[in-house]
N, C-alpha and C. Protein backbone atom coordinates (compact mmCIF):
# COMPACT_ATOMS: atom_id res chain seq x y z
N MET A 1 51.65 48.30 -62.39
CA MET A 1 52.77 48.77 -62.48
C MET A 1 53.90 47.12 -61.91
N THR A 2 54.99 46.81 -62.84
CA THR A 2 55.42 45.51 -62.45
C THR A 2 57.20 46.03 -62.53
N ALA A 3 57.96 45.66 -61.91
CA ALA A 3 58.62 45.75 -61.82
C ALA A 3 60.13 45.35 -63.34
N HIS A 4 61.54 46.29 -63.24
CA HIS A 4 62.00 45.95 -63.88
C HIS A 4 62.69 44.76 -64.38
N PRO A 5 62.47 44.37 -65.94
CA PRO A 5 62.62 42.78 -65.57
C PRO A 5 64.60 42.98 -65.21
N THR A 6 65.04 43.78 -65.60
CA THR A 6 66.50 43.01 -65.23
C THR A 6 66.95 43.34 -63.74
N ARG A 7 66.50 43.34 -62.83
CA ARG A 7 66.18 44.16 -61.34
C ARG A 7 66.00 42.83 -60.49
N ALA A 8 67.13 42.58 -59.25
CA ALA A 8 66.54 41.71 -58.60
C ALA A 8 65.58 41.99 -57.64
N ARG A 9 64.96 40.89 -57.45
CA ARG A 9 63.54 40.72 -56.43
C ARG A 9 64.02 40.70 -54.88
N ARG A 10 63.11 41.60 -53.99
CA ARG A 10 63.38 41.16 -52.53
C ARG A 10 64.10 39.86 -51.97
N SER A 11 64.40 39.47 -50.99
CA SER A 11 63.60 38.07 -50.52
C SER A 11 62.59 37.99 -50.13
N PRO A 12 62.06 37.20 -50.13
CA PRO A 12 61.03 36.53 -49.19
C PRO A 12 60.84 37.38 -48.13
N SER A 13 61.46 36.78 -47.31
CA SER A 13 62.04 37.49 -45.69
C SER A 13 62.18 39.14 -45.83
N GLU A 14 62.60 39.67 -46.98
CA GLU A 14 62.61 40.54 -46.74
C GLU A 14 60.75 41.26 -46.87
N GLN A 15 60.39 40.95 -47.92
CA GLN A 15 59.33 40.85 -48.21
C GLN A 15 58.51 41.20 -47.10
N ALA A 16 58.11 40.11 -46.34
CA ALA A 16 57.60 40.15 -45.10
C ALA A 16 58.55 40.76 -44.13
N LEU A 17 59.13 41.28 -44.28
CA LEU A 17 59.45 42.44 -43.53
C LEU A 17 58.82 44.05 -43.46
N LEU A 18 58.55 43.83 -45.06
CA LEU A 18 57.64 44.98 -46.09
C LEU A 18 56.52 45.11 -45.74
N ASP A 19 56.76 44.45 -45.43
CA ASP A 19 54.71 44.15 -45.38
C ASP A 19 54.39 43.80 -43.73
N ALA A 20 54.95 43.58 -43.23
CA ALA A 20 54.71 44.01 -41.59
C ALA A 20 55.45 45.70 -41.35
N GLU A 21 55.92 45.68 -41.59
CA GLU A 21 56.68 47.66 -41.36
C GLU A 21 55.45 47.93 -42.28
N LEU A 22 54.89 48.23 -43.59
CA LEU A 22 53.67 48.96 -43.69
C LEU A 22 52.76 48.31 -43.05
N ARG A 23 52.24 47.20 -42.32
CA ARG A 23 51.02 47.02 -41.70
C ARG A 23 51.50 48.03 -40.31
N GLU A 24 52.05 48.12 -39.95
CA GLU A 24 52.72 48.98 -38.48
C GLU A 24 52.33 50.23 -38.33
N THR A 25 52.99 50.86 -39.93
CA THR A 25 52.71 51.84 -40.57
C THR A 25 51.46 52.46 -40.36
N PHE A 26 51.08 52.04 -41.32
CA PHE A 26 49.43 51.85 -41.77
C PHE A 26 48.25 52.03 -40.26
N GLN A 27 48.94 51.17 -39.41
CA GLN A 27 47.31 50.55 -38.62
C GLN A 27 48.38 51.76 -37.41
N SER A 28 49.39 51.77 -37.10
CA SER A 28 49.74 51.84 -35.85
C SER A 28 50.57 53.45 -35.70
N ARG A 29 51.47 53.92 -36.65
CA ARG A 29 52.16 54.47 -36.40
C ARG A 29 51.67 56.25 -36.97
N ILE A 30 51.01 55.79 -38.10
CA ILE A 30 50.04 57.18 -38.60
C ILE A 30 48.65 56.84 -37.26
N THR A 31 48.93 58.04 -36.11
CA THR A 31 48.16 57.80 -35.62
C THR A 31 45.84 57.98 -35.86
N PHE A 32 46.35 58.10 -36.84
CA PHE A 32 44.54 59.05 -37.09
C PHE A 32 44.10 58.09 -37.62
N ASN A 33 45.20 57.05 -38.32
CA ASN A 33 44.47 55.37 -38.88
C ASN A 33 43.88 54.88 -38.27
N ASN A 34 45.14 55.04 -36.87
CA ASN A 34 45.02 54.38 -35.55
C ASN A 34 43.03 54.32 -35.48
N VAL A 35 43.12 56.54 -35.08
CA VAL A 35 41.90 56.13 -34.88
C VAL A 35 40.11 55.79 -35.38
N LEU A 36 40.66 56.22 -36.81
CA LEU A 36 39.56 55.40 -38.28
C LEU A 36 39.15 53.61 -37.66
N GLY A 37 40.74 53.22 -37.25
CA GLY A 37 40.34 52.13 -36.84
C GLY A 37 40.67 50.83 -38.28
N LEU A 38 41.35 51.78 -39.16
CA LEU A 38 41.96 51.60 -40.39
C LEU A 38 42.73 49.72 -40.53
N LYS A 39 42.57 49.27 -40.65
CA LYS A 39 43.21 47.79 -40.80
C LYS A 39 43.40 46.99 -42.41
N LEU A 40 44.87 47.12 -42.99
CA LEU A 40 44.68 47.10 -43.67
C LEU A 40 44.70 45.06 -44.20
N LEU A 41 44.27 45.64 -45.90
CA LEU A 41 43.45 44.15 -45.61
C LEU A 41 44.80 43.45 -47.20
N SER A 42 45.90 44.52 -47.87
CA SER A 42 46.29 43.64 -48.56
C SER A 42 47.28 44.96 -49.63
N THR A 43 48.30 44.34 -49.88
CA THR A 43 49.36 45.12 -50.56
C THR A 43 49.53 44.99 -51.49
N ASP A 44 48.72 44.32 -52.12
CA ASP A 44 48.99 44.02 -53.87
C ASP A 44 49.55 45.24 -54.45
N ALA A 45 50.51 45.80 -55.17
CA ALA A 45 50.81 46.22 -56.19
C ALA A 45 49.40 47.08 -57.19
N GLN A 46 48.99 46.41 -57.38
CA GLN A 46 47.78 46.22 -58.35
C GLN A 46 46.14 47.00 -58.03
N LYS A 47 45.89 46.48 -57.02
CA LYS A 47 44.99 46.64 -56.14
C LYS A 47 45.53 46.63 -54.66
N ALA A 48 45.48 48.09 -54.06
CA ALA A 48 45.34 47.89 -51.86
C ALA A 48 44.52 48.47 -51.25
N SER A 49 44.30 47.56 -50.67
CA SER A 49 43.07 47.66 -50.14
C SER A 49 43.02 47.98 -48.32
N MET A 50 42.64 48.47 -47.54
CA MET A 50 42.10 48.70 -46.06
C MET A 50 40.34 48.65 -45.35
N SER A 51 40.22 48.34 -44.73
CA SER A 51 38.81 48.07 -43.82
C SER A 51 38.80 49.01 -42.89
N PHE A 52 37.46 48.96 -42.54
CA PHE A 52 37.60 50.35 -40.99
C PHE A 52 35.99 48.97 -40.54
N GLN A 53 35.93 49.84 -39.34
CA GLN A 53 34.09 49.43 -38.49
C GLN A 53 33.57 50.52 -38.36
N MET A 54 32.15 51.01 -38.71
CA MET A 54 31.64 51.88 -38.24
C MET A 54 31.54 51.77 -36.97
N THR A 55 31.79 53.02 -36.22
CA THR A 55 31.64 53.34 -34.58
C THR A 55 31.75 54.89 -34.73
N PRO A 56 30.49 55.16 -33.30
CA PRO A 56 29.83 56.13 -32.56
C PRO A 56 30.75 57.35 -33.00
N SER A 57 32.19 57.51 -33.23
CA SER A 57 32.76 58.43 -33.44
C SER A 57 32.80 58.81 -34.92
N LEU A 58 33.04 58.05 -35.62
CA LEU A 58 32.86 58.10 -36.82
C LEU A 58 31.88 58.88 -37.93
N VAL A 59 30.74 58.92 -36.46
CA VAL A 59 29.36 59.46 -37.45
C VAL A 59 29.45 60.85 -37.76
N GLY A 60 29.06 60.94 -38.78
CA GLY A 60 28.70 62.83 -39.05
C GLY A 60 27.34 63.04 -39.09
N HIS A 61 26.20 62.43 -39.71
CA HIS A 61 24.94 63.25 -39.24
C HIS A 61 24.13 61.60 -38.29
N TYR A 62 23.93 62.75 -36.77
CA TYR A 62 23.69 61.87 -35.76
C TYR A 62 22.34 61.08 -35.82
N HIS A 63 21.27 62.03 -36.75
CA HIS A 63 20.10 61.27 -36.84
C HIS A 63 20.10 60.13 -37.94
N TYR A 64 21.37 60.02 -38.78
CA TYR A 64 21.08 59.01 -39.89
C TYR A 64 22.20 57.69 -39.43
N GLY A 65 22.75 58.53 -38.52
CA GLY A 65 24.02 57.01 -38.21
C GLY A 65 25.02 57.15 -39.57
N ARG A 66 25.04 57.85 -40.26
CA ARG A 66 25.69 57.85 -41.55
C ARG A 66 27.34 58.30 -41.36
N LEU A 67 28.39 57.86 -42.07
CA LEU A 67 29.67 58.12 -42.38
C LEU A 67 29.85 59.67 -42.06
N HIS A 68 30.78 60.21 -41.68
CA HIS A 68 31.26 61.66 -41.80
C HIS A 68 32.07 61.73 -43.09
N GLY A 69 31.48 62.60 -43.73
CA GLY A 69 32.29 63.09 -45.34
C GLY A 69 33.56 63.05 -45.41
N GLY A 70 34.29 63.35 -43.70
CA GLY A 70 35.90 63.44 -43.80
C GLY A 70 36.66 62.34 -44.03
N VAL A 71 35.70 61.33 -42.91
CA VAL A 71 36.16 59.89 -42.78
C VAL A 71 36.51 59.41 -44.03
N ILE A 72 35.23 59.97 -45.03
CA ILE A 72 35.64 58.42 -46.08
C ILE A 72 36.88 59.72 -47.12
N SER A 73 36.66 60.93 -47.03
CA SER A 73 37.80 61.55 -47.43
C SER A 73 39.01 60.98 -47.53
N ALA A 74 39.51 60.70 -45.88
CA ALA A 74 40.57 60.82 -45.50
C ALA A 74 40.49 59.21 -45.44
N VAL A 75 39.92 58.29 -45.30
CA VAL A 75 40.44 56.77 -45.66
C VAL A 75 41.05 56.68 -46.85
N LEU A 76 39.89 56.98 -48.37
CA LEU A 76 40.25 57.33 -49.30
C LEU A 76 41.45 57.74 -49.63
N ASP A 77 41.96 58.88 -48.90
CA ASP A 77 43.08 59.12 -49.33
C ASP A 77 44.40 58.84 -49.07
N THR A 78 44.65 58.26 -47.54
CA THR A 78 45.11 57.45 -47.07
C THR A 78 45.58 55.83 -47.80
N THR A 79 44.30 55.40 -48.51
CA THR A 79 44.31 54.26 -48.80
C THR A 79 45.33 54.11 -50.76
N GLY A 80 44.81 55.55 -51.43
CA GLY A 80 46.01 55.55 -52.11
C GLY A 80 47.59 56.15 -52.00
N GLY A 81 47.55 57.28 -51.09
CA GLY A 81 48.58 56.55 -50.47
C GLY A 81 49.31 54.91 -50.19
N LEU A 82 48.72 54.22 -49.69
CA LEU A 82 48.88 52.32 -49.60
C LEU A 82 49.31 52.51 -51.09
N ALA A 83 48.40 52.53 -51.86
CA ALA A 83 48.64 52.21 -52.84
C ALA A 83 49.85 52.11 -53.79
N LEU A 84 50.16 53.52 -54.04
CA LEU A 84 50.87 54.22 -54.15
C LEU A 84 52.43 53.77 -53.85
N THR A 85 52.47 53.43 -52.63
CA THR A 85 53.56 52.96 -51.98
C THR A 85 53.87 51.20 -52.26
N CYS A 86 52.66 50.19 -52.16
CA CYS A 86 52.83 49.44 -52.58
C CYS A 86 53.65 49.06 -53.98
N ALA A 87 52.90 49.97 -54.87
CA ALA A 87 54.04 50.33 -56.27
C ALA A 87 54.75 50.83 -56.58
N ILE A 88 55.12 51.18 -55.67
CA ILE A 88 56.40 51.71 -55.52
C ILE A 88 57.88 50.49 -54.93
N ALA A 89 57.14 49.45 -54.50
CA ALA A 89 58.01 49.09 -53.29
C ALA A 89 57.79 47.75 -54.77
N ASP A 90 56.85 47.47 -55.34
CA ASP A 90 56.75 47.27 -57.10
C ASP A 90 58.01 47.12 -57.68
N HIS A 91 57.67 48.11 -57.94
CA HIS A 91 59.14 49.35 -59.32
C HIS A 91 60.14 48.60 -58.28
N PHE A 92 60.30 48.67 -57.48
CA PHE A 92 61.68 49.06 -57.07
C PHE A 92 62.10 47.77 -56.16
N GLY A 93 61.73 46.61 -56.82
CA GLY A 93 61.86 45.62 -55.89
C GLY A 93 62.82 44.69 -56.00
N ASP A 94 64.23 45.64 -55.93
CA ASP A 94 65.26 45.53 -55.01
C ASP A 94 65.62 45.91 -54.37
N GLU A 95 65.10 46.91 -53.88
CA GLU A 95 65.24 47.24 -52.17
C GLU A 95 64.95 47.81 -51.26
N SER A 96 65.49 47.46 -50.14
CA SER A 96 65.39 47.62 -49.13
C SER A 96 63.83 47.45 -48.18
N ALA A 97 63.20 46.90 -47.46
CA ALA A 97 61.87 47.30 -46.45
C ALA A 97 62.68 48.79 -46.23
N THR A 98 63.80 48.88 -45.65
CA THR A 98 64.02 50.48 -44.61
C THR A 98 64.52 51.48 -46.15
N GLN A 99 65.05 51.07 -47.87
CA GLN A 99 65.04 51.68 -48.10
C GLN A 99 63.37 52.24 -49.42
N ILE A 100 62.44 51.37 -49.24
CA ILE A 100 60.81 51.67 -49.33
C ILE A 100 61.05 52.60 -48.81
N LEU A 101 60.49 52.25 -47.13
CA LEU A 101 59.83 53.20 -46.06
C LEU A 101 59.98 54.41 -46.06
N THR A 102 61.92 55.13 -46.94
CA THR A 102 62.45 55.95 -47.02
C THR A 102 61.86 56.92 -48.38
N ARG A 103 61.22 56.22 -49.31
CA ARG A 103 60.37 56.79 -49.70
C ARG A 103 58.73 57.11 -49.54
N PHE A 104 58.38 56.14 -48.89
CA PHE A 104 57.43 56.35 -48.12
C PHE A 104 57.22 57.91 -47.55
N ASN A 105 58.16 57.71 -46.72
CA ASN A 105 58.67 59.25 -46.57
C ASN A 105 58.33 60.86 -47.10
N ARG A 106 58.77 60.20 -48.53
CA ARG A 106 58.44 61.37 -48.92
C ARG A 106 57.05 61.75 -50.06
N ILE A 107 56.39 60.88 -49.49
CA ILE A 107 54.89 61.22 -50.33
C ILE A 107 54.12 62.17 -50.12
N GLY A 108 53.22 62.75 -50.04
CA GLY A 108 52.36 63.51 -49.97
C GLY A 108 51.25 64.37 -50.89
N THR A 109 50.08 65.01 -50.71
CA THR A 109 48.67 64.82 -51.18
C THR A 109 49.04 65.63 -51.44
N ILE A 110 48.44 65.80 -53.33
CA ILE A 110 49.11 66.82 -54.02
C ILE A 110 47.49 67.48 -54.41
N ASP A 111 46.51 66.67 -54.98
CA ASP A 111 45.16 66.78 -55.08
C ASP A 111 44.33 65.41 -54.63
N LEU A 112 42.99 65.97 -54.56
CA LEU A 112 42.55 64.90 -53.90
C LEU A 112 40.79 65.19 -54.26
N ARG A 113 39.98 64.54 -55.13
CA ARG A 113 38.86 64.47 -55.80
C ARG A 113 38.14 63.76 -55.07
N ILE A 114 36.98 63.77 -53.87
CA ILE A 114 36.24 62.85 -54.30
C ILE A 114 34.95 63.31 -54.37
N ASP A 115 34.39 61.98 -54.65
CA ASP A 115 32.83 61.62 -55.28
C ASP A 115 32.13 61.00 -54.25
N PHE A 116 30.96 61.72 -53.74
CA PHE A 116 30.46 61.48 -52.51
C PHE A 116 28.79 60.33 -53.25
N LEU A 117 29.02 59.25 -53.92
CA LEU A 117 27.83 58.73 -54.11
C LEU A 117 26.27 58.49 -54.02
N ARG A 118 26.98 57.62 -52.55
CA ARG A 118 25.34 57.18 -51.28
C ARG A 118 25.90 57.73 -49.95
N GLN A 119 24.66 57.71 -49.18
CA GLN A 119 25.24 57.97 -47.99
C GLN A 119 25.89 57.06 -47.31
N GLY A 120 26.89 56.86 -46.54
CA GLY A 120 27.66 56.51 -45.73
C GLY A 120 27.24 56.04 -44.77
N ILE A 121 26.45 54.70 -45.34
CA ILE A 121 25.60 53.60 -44.04
C ILE A 121 26.19 52.54 -44.54
N GLY A 122 26.26 52.04 -42.93
CA GLY A 122 26.97 50.50 -43.34
C GLY A 122 27.34 50.26 -41.79
N GLU A 123 28.36 48.36 -41.44
CA GLU A 123 28.69 48.32 -40.64
C GLU A 123 30.22 48.01 -40.89
N GLN A 124 30.49 47.95 -42.07
CA GLN A 124 31.99 47.62 -42.33
C GLN A 124 32.67 48.31 -43.83
N PHE A 125 33.38 49.12 -44.21
CA PHE A 125 33.37 50.07 -44.39
C PHE A 125 34.97 48.75 -45.46
N VAL A 126 35.02 49.14 -46.80
CA VAL A 126 36.58 48.87 -47.77
C VAL A 126 37.04 49.70 -48.39
N ALA A 127 38.44 50.43 -48.43
CA ALA A 127 37.97 50.94 -49.59
C ALA A 127 39.48 49.79 -49.86
N SER A 128 39.40 50.33 -51.47
CA SER A 128 40.26 50.37 -52.48
C SER A 128 40.82 50.88 -53.40
N ALA A 129 42.40 50.40 -53.65
CA ALA A 129 42.91 51.78 -54.56
C ALA A 129 43.97 51.55 -55.72
N SER A 130 44.18 51.91 -56.38
CA SER A 130 44.64 51.20 -57.93
C SER A 130 45.47 52.62 -58.48
N VAL A 131 46.70 51.90 -58.89
CA VAL A 131 47.41 53.47 -59.43
C VAL A 131 47.31 53.56 -61.12
N THR A 132 47.36 55.00 -61.30
CA THR A 132 46.94 55.07 -62.85
C THR A 132 48.26 55.55 -63.64
N ARG A 133 48.51 55.76 -62.45
CA ARG A 133 50.31 56.51 -63.28
C ARG A 133 51.65 56.49 -62.21
N LEU A 134 52.87 56.21 -62.06
CA LEU A 134 53.23 56.23 -61.66
C LEU A 134 54.81 56.94 -61.88
N GLY A 135 54.92 58.06 -62.04
CA GLY A 135 56.01 59.21 -62.35
C GLY A 135 57.49 59.16 -61.58
N GLY A 136 58.24 59.77 -61.72
CA GLY A 136 59.24 59.61 -61.05
C GLY A 136 59.16 60.97 -60.10
N ARG A 137 58.00 61.97 -60.33
CA ARG A 137 57.82 62.65 -59.27
C ARG A 137 56.46 63.06 -58.95
N VAL A 138 55.61 62.49 -59.66
CA VAL A 138 54.30 62.44 -59.51
C VAL A 138 53.35 61.06 -59.50
N GLY A 139 52.36 60.81 -58.65
CA GLY A 139 52.06 59.11 -58.79
C GLY A 139 50.21 59.67 -58.59
N SER A 140 50.18 58.77 -59.39
CA SER A 140 47.95 59.18 -59.70
C SER A 140 46.96 58.24 -59.02
N THR A 141 46.29 57.84 -58.33
CA THR A 141 45.69 56.94 -58.05
C THR A 141 43.79 56.72 -58.50
N GLN A 142 43.41 55.86 -58.64
CA GLN A 142 41.66 55.82 -58.44
C GLN A 142 41.66 54.88 -57.15
N MET A 143 40.38 55.80 -56.14
CA MET A 143 40.67 54.95 -55.20
C MET A 143 38.82 54.66 -55.38
N ALA A 144 38.17 53.78 -54.62
CA ALA A 144 36.88 53.48 -54.21
C ALA A 144 36.17 52.89 -52.66
N LEU A 145 35.41 53.28 -52.00
CA LEU A 145 34.79 52.75 -50.97
C LEU A 145 33.40 52.22 -50.95
N HIS A 146 33.48 51.52 -50.46
CA HIS A 146 32.07 49.83 -50.65
C HIS A 146 31.60 50.10 -49.13
N ASN A 147 30.43 49.63 -48.79
CA ASN A 147 30.79 48.77 -47.14
C ASN A 147 29.62 47.17 -47.61
N GLU A 148 29.60 46.58 -45.97
CA GLU A 148 29.81 45.02 -46.54
C GLU A 148 28.83 44.06 -47.37
N ARG A 149 27.66 45.37 -48.12
CA ARG A 149 27.11 44.51 -48.59
C ARG A 149 27.66 44.61 -50.35
N GLY A 150 29.00 45.39 -50.63
CA GLY A 150 29.42 45.97 -51.45
C GLY A 150 29.04 47.11 -52.36
N LEU A 151 28.34 47.80 -51.34
CA LEU A 151 27.61 49.30 -52.07
C LEU A 151 28.69 49.74 -51.74
N LEU A 152 28.38 50.58 -53.51
CA LEU A 152 29.60 51.80 -53.42
C LEU A 152 28.77 52.92 -53.10
N ILE A 153 30.23 53.65 -51.92
CA ILE A 153 29.59 54.86 -50.94
C ILE A 153 29.99 55.76 -51.93
N ALA A 154 31.51 55.89 -52.45
CA ALA A 154 32.13 56.93 -53.06
C ALA A 154 33.69 56.80 -53.85
N THR A 155 33.72 57.66 -54.36
CA THR A 155 34.91 57.47 -55.16
C THR A 155 35.84 58.37 -55.42
N GLY A 156 37.11 58.20 -55.21
CA GLY A 156 38.03 58.96 -55.64
C GLY A 156 39.19 59.12 -56.47
N ALA A 157 39.75 60.33 -56.78
CA ALA A 157 41.23 60.54 -57.70
C ALA A 157 42.54 61.31 -56.64
N GLY A 158 43.17 60.86 -56.69
CA GLY A 158 44.14 61.96 -55.88
C GLY A 158 45.76 61.83 -57.06
N SER A 159 46.86 63.05 -56.54
CA SER A 159 47.82 62.83 -57.22
C SER A 159 48.36 63.37 -55.89
N TYR A 160 49.88 62.39 -56.02
CA TYR A 160 50.84 62.59 -55.15
C TYR A 160 52.01 62.83 -55.53
N VAL A 161 53.03 63.26 -54.46
CA VAL A 161 54.25 63.73 -54.64
C VAL A 161 54.87 62.37 -54.36
N VAL A 162 55.71 61.90 -55.06
CA VAL A 162 56.60 60.48 -55.18
C VAL A 162 58.25 60.71 -54.83
N SER A 163 58.05 62.11 -54.70
CA SER A 163 60.02 61.92 -54.84
C SER A 163 60.54 63.13 -53.83
């Protein structure tokens, strides 16, 4: 998703403000993300990413110590929403951080599919997402979750209302 060539781009200081606001929103303001320990890694419009550490509170199977499937789903859903927000920010490159955050407030999950490929075993996980379509009303994403060894744990596809 690239910006329309005739549109002005936001200033570097406004972009820095937007990046800081996205970090604050996705790491702290969305309280559940804070519970999960999500850390924003990239706000790249082509591939957004977040990471988190395995903690005892995220274990879904006590005997094996593997990640709970609901945690995997929530993380991939959140990362899909982040990717859409970044693509929207790129597409509307002339808008301020405040305007982009107003657009973010309208994003909501319509459909989410998660494919659990391997047990969620690891110390650290990285979720990444890219936008496959950004329409006027609906956006679609593809997501992936890897552990610290690069092993693919799960993939996802999501559709979100964006207007």
